[in-house]
Amino acid sequence: MRTTAFTALCLLLAAGCGREGRTIRIATQSPLSGAQAVIGNGIRNGADLALQQNSGPLARMGFTVKLAPFDDLGDPDTGVANAVAMVADPSVLGVVGHYNSGVQIPSAEEYHAAHLCNLSPANTNPKVTDRGFPEINRIVGRDDVLGAVAAQFASSRGVRSAYVLHDLSAYGEGIAGYFRNEAATQGVKLAGFKGTDETTDFGAVLSPILAARPDCIFFGGYFDQAALLFRQARQRGYTGMCLSDGGFDSPEAARIGTAALLQGAGTFFSAVSGPAAAYPGAGAFSTDYRARFGEDPQPYSAQAYDCAAVLLQAVENASRNAGGRMPTREEVGKAVRALQNFHGITGSIAFNRRGDLVMAKYFIIQVTSADPGKWAANRIDQTFDIAPPN
C-alpha cells in the first residue's frame, strides 16, 4: 500500500509539473497606481480581456494562459526592476506595455537581452524601435510623425506663433522638439521653447508666455501637467489655441482642466489612439469591456487588447511550427514579425523590420466636454493614415 501511495503521489506531482510546464504568462507593464493609474489600469484590462477571449486555441493545445500584471509606477527604475523579474520567469513569453516611453526605453534593454518579445500599445518615442531590437514592436505611431501632424494642424488653423513647453520627460521633450521643427517648416514663429517640472502653480511659467501673446501654447507631456497649465492660462486671460499630444488623452484631463478647456480657441491634442468608436472593429470590444470592468475603455485599452491578441497568435504559431511544444522566446518574437495583416480591433496589424506598424493612424481630437464621463465622445477633427519614416 505504501508503494501504491508513493507511486500515486509521484504521478500527481509529475502531472502538476507538466501543467506548470505548459503555463504561458503574458505580462503587462503600466502605471497601476499614482497619477496615471487610470490609463495604466486600462492597458492592463485591455490585455486581460484579450486573454479571456483569445486563449482558446492555446488551451486546446494543452496550454494554460495567465496574465501577469506589473505596476511600473510610471518610473524608469521600477520598470527596469519589473523587467528583471519578468525575464527571470521562463513562463513569461511576452510583455504588453508600457505607457511612458521613458520607462519602456530602459526596460526594453532587459527584454532584448532575454529575447523577450515586447509589444507596446502606447509608446511613441522613435528610440523605442529605432534601436532595431528584433523583440520590440509597437502598434501605434511615432512622435516624429505625431509632432509634425500637430504642427501642420496648428498652421492650417491660422496659428502664426507658438510657445512650446514640455515636461522634461523623454516623451514630452521629444515630441515638443518635433512640433517645433515642423512648425518652423510651416512658417510658424517660435515664441519660446522651455521644459518645466512644475505641477501646481504655473504662474512663473505663464508670465513670459502671456507676455509673448502666442497664437498657440503647445505642451509636450502628460495630462496631469498640461490640463492644469491650460486651465491656469485661461484663468489669466489667454484666448489662443491650447494644443498637446497623446499624453493628454485621459478623462482625468477634463476633471483637472474643467470648462477652461472649452474656452478661447479651444483645446486640441494630436494622438496615435482614437476613441474606441473610431475603430470599426471595436464596437463589441467596448461592450465586452464595460461588462467585465464596469466602465468604458480608457485610451490605449483597445491597443493593449490587440497587443495581447497578437502575442497569443504568435505563441500559437510558434508552438505549431515547433510540433506543439512550448516555444522559445526567440521563436515567439520571430512569429510576431512574421504576422501579416493580423485583423485587430484597431485595424490591420503588420510590422516593418524595425517593429513599427507598416501603416499607423494619427488623430487630431478636440476636447468638447468638461465631463470626464464624456471623454470618449470628444470630436475627432482629422484622421490620417501615415507610413513610418524610412
Foldseek 3Di string as FASTA:
>chain_A
DVVVVVVVVVVVVVVVVVQVQQEAEEEEEEACDDPCNQQRVLLLLLLVVLCVVQCVVSVVLVHHYYYHYDHQNLDQVSLLVVLVVQLVDQRYQEYEDDAALLNQLVNVVSCLVSLRAYEYLHDADPSQQVVLRLRGAYAFYHLLVLLLVQLVVCVVVPFQEEEEEEAPGSQQVRSSVSVVVNNVVSNRHYQYYYYDNDQADCVVVCVSVVVSLGLEYEYRDALSRLLQVLLVNVVVPRQHEYEYEQNNQALVSLVNNPCSQCGHPHYKYKYLFAQLVVFPLRPVVQVVSCVVPVAGRGTSSQSSSQVSSLLSVLQSVLCVVVVSRRHGSNSSSVSSQPDFQDQGRRGTAHADSSNYGQKTKMWMWTDDHSRSNCSNVTDTPDMDIDGHDD
